[in-house]
């Protein structure tokens, strides 16, 4: 009997502990979610306390209706101050978020420009070098290697340049050294078109054909995608 009572007591204590813990977590979430509102209440309460403290002696000697009037005025003041503080706090938070979003956007733009400078432009030179090697080479298996590498690097180049071309206003600014100059972008487009033309001429049978091996199908898809992307680029 005693053991049963102890078990029930233990269960009740556990339920009470769980209930209190849950309520504290709910309160904590409400405080976090309504941080600005609570901050407004705190400031308003402090102002009300200060006013009451300053007029403490006058209130003691005042009539009941005057005390009621003061209480009503304090309630209005509490509401106005708390709303004002909450509104200002929310506004400042939104400004901080906006500044953070703007910074992230700028960082992403500069990162993409860095990829353009150090990967895409170098990739064009690598493709050009492979083209020269391809034209000099006699062995077909080595020529095939060069062609596949050209396609590989040109695909990476297109992936990097695609967002830059799509959002030119965010990336191309002649009056800002952090961004891309239009003449560099135009030279890039002309260069990429020449490499794409070389691939189209050399692999016209694969690009315009059907069927073939699995490798031929993959190669054909790459060529079609590259040609569709690059042929639509226009100089600025």
Protein backbone atom coordinates (compact mmCIF):
# COMPACT_ATOMS: atom_id res chain seq x y z
CA UNK A 1 0.00 0.00 0.00
CA UNK A 2 2.76 2.39 0.94
CA UNK A 3 4.66 1.45 -2.19
CA UNK A 4 1.61 2.12 -4.34
CA UNK A 5 1.17 5.52 -2.72
CA UNK A 6 4.81 6.35 -3.35
CA UNK A 7 4.49 5.39 -7.00
CA UNK A 8 1.39 7.54 -7.44
CA UNK A 9 3.14 10.40 -5.71
CA UNK A 10 6.14 9.97 -7.96
CA UNK A 11 3.93 9.96 -11.05
CA UNK A 12 2.13 13.08 -9.90
CA UNK A 13 5.42 14.84 -9.30
CA UNK A 14 6.63 13.83 -12.76
CA UNK A 15 3.40 15.10 -14.33
CA UNK A 16 3.73 18.36 -12.39
CA UNK A 17 7.37 18.70 -13.48
CA UNK A 18 6.39 18.06 -17.10
CA UNK A 19 3.53 20.58 -16.92
CA UNK A 20 5.72 23.30 -15.39
CA UNK A 21 8.49 22.65 -17.90
CA UNK A 22 6.01 22.84 -20.79
CA UNK A 23 4.51 26.09 -19.49
CA UNK A 24 7.95 27.65 -19.05
CA UNK A 25 8.88 26.70 -22.61
CA UNK A 26 5.62 28.21 -23.91
CA UNK A 27 6.29 31.42 -21.99
CA UNK A 28 9.84 31.52 -23.30
CA UNK A 29 8.60 31.13 -26.89
CA UNK A 30 6.07 33.90 -26.41
CA UNK A 31 8.76 36.17 -25.01
CA UNK A 32 11.00 35.45 -28.00
CA UNK A 33 8.20 35.87 -30.53
CA UNK A 34 6.91 39.07 -28.91
CA UNK A 35 10.23 40.55 -27.91
CA UNK A 36 9.37 44.02 -29.26
CA UNK A 37 5.98 44.06 -27.53
CA UNK A 38 7.49 43.05 -24.18
CA UNK A 39 10.23 45.62 -24.57
CA UNK A 40 7.54 48.27 -25.08
CA UNK A 41 5.70 47.13 -21.93
CA UNK A 42 8.91 47.33 -19.89
CA UNK A 43 9.71 50.88 -21.02
CA UNK A 44 6.11 51.99 -20.50
CA UNK A 45 6.05 50.49 -16.99
CA UNK A 46 9.28 52.27 -16.08
CA UNK A 47 7.84 55.61 -17.27
CA UNK A 48 4.63 55.05 -15.30
CA UNK A 49 6.59 54.21 -12.15
CA UNK A 50 8.71 57.34 -12.53
CA UNK A 51 5.61 59.53 -12.92
CA UNK A 52 3.95 58.00 -9.86
CA UNK A 53 7.17 58.45 -7.87
CA UNK A 54 7.48 62.12 -8.83
CA UNK A 55 3.85 62.93 -8.00
CA UNK A 56 3.65 60.65 -4.96
CA UNK A 57 3.10 63.44 -2.40
CA UNK A 58 0.48 65.20 -4.54
CA UNK A 59 -1.42 61.95 -5.05
CA UNK A 60 -1.65 61.31 -1.30
CA UNK A 61 -3.44 64.62 -0.77
CA UNK A 62 -5.60 64.45 -3.89
CA UNK A 63 -9.25 63.59 -4.14
CA UNK A 64 -10.50 60.22 -5.35
CA UNK A 65 -11.61 61.50 -8.77
CA UNK A 66 -8.21 63.10 -9.37
CA UNK A 67 -6.45 59.82 -8.51
CA UNK A 68 -8.79 58.05 -10.90
CA UNK A 69 -7.96 60.58 -13.59
CA UNK A 70 -4.23 60.03 -13.01
CA UNK A 71 -4.69 56.25 -13.23
CA UNK A 72 -6.60 56.64 -16.49
CA UNK A 73 -3.91 58.95 -17.88
CA UNK A 74 -1.21 56.45 -16.85
CA UNK A 75 -3.06 53.66 -18.68
CA UNK A 76 -3.25 55.76 -21.85
CA UNK A 77 0.42 56.69 -21.49
CA UNK A 78 1.36 53.05 -20.89
CA UNK A 79 -0.49 51.97 -24.06
CA UNK A 80 0.95 54.76 -26.25
CA UNK A 81 4.55 54.32 -25.04
CA UNK A 82 4.46 50.52 -25.29
CA UNK A 83 3.08 50.66 -28.85
CA UNK A 84 5.61 53.31 -29.88
CA UNK A 85 8.58 51.34 -28.47
CA UNK A 86 7.33 48.10 -30.05
CA UNK A 87 6.86 49.78 -33.44
CA UNK A 88 10.32 51.37 -33.35
CA UNK A 89 11.89 48.08 -32.23
CA UNK A 90 10.23 46.18 -35.09
CA UNK A 91 11.31 48.86 -37.56
CA UNK A 92 14.92 48.65 -36.41
CA UNK A 93 14.84 44.85 -36.67
CA UNK A 94 13.49 45.05 -40.22
CA UNK A 95 16.22 47.52 -41.14
CA UNK A 96 18.85 45.18 -39.70
CA UNK A 97 17.39 42.25 -41.66
CA UNK A 98 17.29 44.32 -44.84
CA UNK A 99 20.92 45.39 -44.34
CA UNK A 100 21.85 41.74 -43.79
CA UNK A 101 19.99 40.66 -46.95
CA UNK A 102 21.64 43.44 -48.95
CA UNK A 103 25.06 42.41 -47.67
CA UNK A 104 24.42 38.74 -48.52
CA UNK A 105 23.25 39.76 -52.00
CA UNK A 106 26.37 41.89 -52.55
CA UNK A 107 28.61 39.09 -51.27
CA UNK A 108 26.97 36.61 -53.66
CA UNK A 109 27.42 39.02 -56.59
CA UNK A 110 31.10 39.57 -55.78
CA UNK A 111 31.60 35.80 -55.35
CA UNK A 112 30.11 35.18 -58.80
CA UNK A 113 32.30 37.91 -60.30
CA UNK A 114 35.32 36.28 -58.67
CA UNK A 115 34.36 32.98 -60.32
CA UNK A 116 34.05 34.79 -63.64
CA UNK A 117 37.53 36.32 -63.27
CA UNK A 118 39.36 33.25 -62.00
CA UNK A 119 37.47 30.29 -63.46
CA UNK A 120 35.37 31.27 -66.47
CA UNK A 121 37.95 33.48 -68.20
CA UNK A 122 40.74 30.99 -67.51
CA UNK A 123 38.42 28.27 -68.80
CA UNK A 124 38.17 30.01 -72.17
CA UNK A 125 41.98 30.04 -72.45
CA UNK A 126 42.10 26.36 -71.52
CA UNK A 127 39.53 25.58 -74.24
CA UNK A 128 41.54 27.57 -76.79
CA UNK A 129 44.69 25.68 -75.88
CA UNK A 130 42.88 22.34 -76.27
CA UNK A 131 41.60 23.46 -79.68
CA UNK A 132 45.17 24.13 -80.84
CA UNK A 133 46.30 20.77 -79.50
CA UNK A 134 43.34 19.09 -81.20
CA UNK A 135 44.23 20.54 -84.60
CA UNK A 136 47.87 19.43 -84.26
CA UNK A 137 47.13 15.92 -82.97
CA UNK A 138 47.06 12.84 -85.25
CA UNK A 139 45.86 10.17 -82.83
CA UNK A 140 42.07 10.00 -82.75
CA UNK A 141 41.76 8.91 -79.11
CA UNK A 142 43.77 11.96 -78.01
CA UNK A 143 41.68 14.22 -80.25
CA UNK A 144 38.56 12.80 -78.59
CA UNK A 145 40.06 13.54 -75.18
CA UNK A 146 40.65 17.17 -76.16
CA UNK A 147 37.09 17.52 -77.47
CA UNK A 148 35.57 16.14 -74.29
CA UNK A 149 37.70 18.44 -72.14
CA UNK A 150 36.65 21.44 -74.21
CA UNK A 151 33.00 20.49 -73.65
CA UNK A 152 33.64 20.01 -69.93
CA UNK A 153 35.27 23.42 -69.44
CA UNK A 154 32.78 25.21 -71.67
CA UNK A 155 29.91 23.75 -69.63
CA UNK A 156 31.46 25.12 -66.43
CA UNK A 157 31.94 28.49 -68.15
CA UNK A 158 28.28 28.64 -69.19
CA UNK A 159 27.11 27.76 -65.65
CA UNK A 160 29.17 30.61 -64.17
CA UNK A 161 28.22 33.20 -66.79
CA UNK A 162 24.50 32.34 -66.98
CA UNK A 163 23.39 34.33 -63.86
CA UNK A 164 25.68 37.23 -64.82
CA UNK A 165 24.11 37.51 -68.26
CA UNK A 166 20.58 37.07 -66.87
CA UNK A 167 21.01 39.88 -64.28
CA UNK A 168 23.38 42.25 -66.04
CA UNK A 169 22.36 45.24 -63.92
CA UNK A 170 23.63 43.54 -60.77
CA UNK A 171 27.00 42.46 -62.18
CA UNK A 172 28.04 44.82 -65.00
CA UNK A 173 28.92 48.39 -63.99
CA UNK A 174 31.60 50.30 -65.88
CA UNK A 175 31.95 52.94 -63.15
CA UNK A 176 32.67 50.51 -60.30
CA UNK A 177 35.92 48.53 -60.12
CA UNK A 178 34.35 45.82 -57.95
CA UNK A 179 32.00 44.88 -60.78
CA UNK A 180 32.49 43.80 -64.40
CA UNK A 181 33.18 46.18 -67.26
CA UNK A 182 30.93 45.76 -70.29
CA UNK A 183 33.85 45.44 -72.73
CA UNK A 184 35.19 42.46 -70.77
CA UNK A 185 31.80 40.78 -70.93
CA UNK A 186 31.55 41.44 -74.67
CA UNK A 187 35.01 39.95 -75.30
CA UNK A 188 34.01 36.96 -73.19
CA UNK A 189 30.84 36.38 -75.23
CA UNK A 190 32.69 36.62 -78.57
CA UNK A 191 35.36 34.19 -77.35
CA UNK A 192 32.77 31.69 -76.06
CA UNK A 193 30.86 31.85 -79.35
CA UNK A 194 34.02 30.98 -81.30
CA UNK A 195 34.67 27.92 -79.14
CA UNK A 196 31.04 26.86 -79.45
CA UNK A 197 31.26 27.24 -83.25
CA UNK A 198 34.35 25.01 -83.29
CA UNK A 199 32.47 22.29 -81.39
CA UNK A 200 29.43 22.56 -83.64
CA UNK A 201 31.60 22.24 -86.77
CA UNK A 202 33.68 19.33 -85.48
CA UNK A 203 30.80 17.36 -84.00
CA UNK A 204 28.01 18.23 -86.42
CA UNK A 205 27.24 14.58 -87.12
CA UNK A 206 26.82 13.73 -83.44
CA UNK A 207 24.95 16.97 -82.64
CA UNK A 208 22.43 16.59 -85.45
CA UNK A 209 22.17 12.79 -85.40
CA UNK A 210 19.99 10.38 -83.44
CA UNK A 211 20.62 7.19 -81.55
CA UNK A 212 24.20 5.99 -81.12
CA UNK A 213 25.94 4.81 -77.97
CA UNK A 214 25.18 6.07 -74.48
CA UNK A 215 28.26 8.32 -74.71
CA UNK A 216 27.03 9.75 -78.00
CA UNK A 217 23.65 10.59 -76.44
CA UNK A 218 25.29 12.33 -73.46
CA UNK A 219 27.66 14.21 -75.75
CA UNK A 220 24.79 15.27 -78.02
CA UNK A 221 22.80 16.59 -75.03
CA UNK A 222 25.80 18.61 -73.82
CA UNK A 223 26.34 20.10 -77.26
CA UNK A 224 22.67 21.02 -77.67
CA UNK A 225 22.54 22.66 -74.24
CA UNK A 226 25.76 24.59 -74.83
CA UNK A 227 24.66 25.80 -78.25
CA UNK A 228 21.24 26.90 -76.98
CA UNK A 229 22.82 28.90 -74.16
CA UNK A 230 25.71 30.53 -76.01
CA UNK A 231 23.87 31.26 -79.26
CA UNK A 232 21.38 33.39 -77.32
CA UNK A 233 24.09 35.61 -75.80
CA UNK A 234 24.22 39.08 -77.33
CA UNK A 235 26.96 41.64 -76.77
CA UNK A 236 26.02 44.56 -74.57
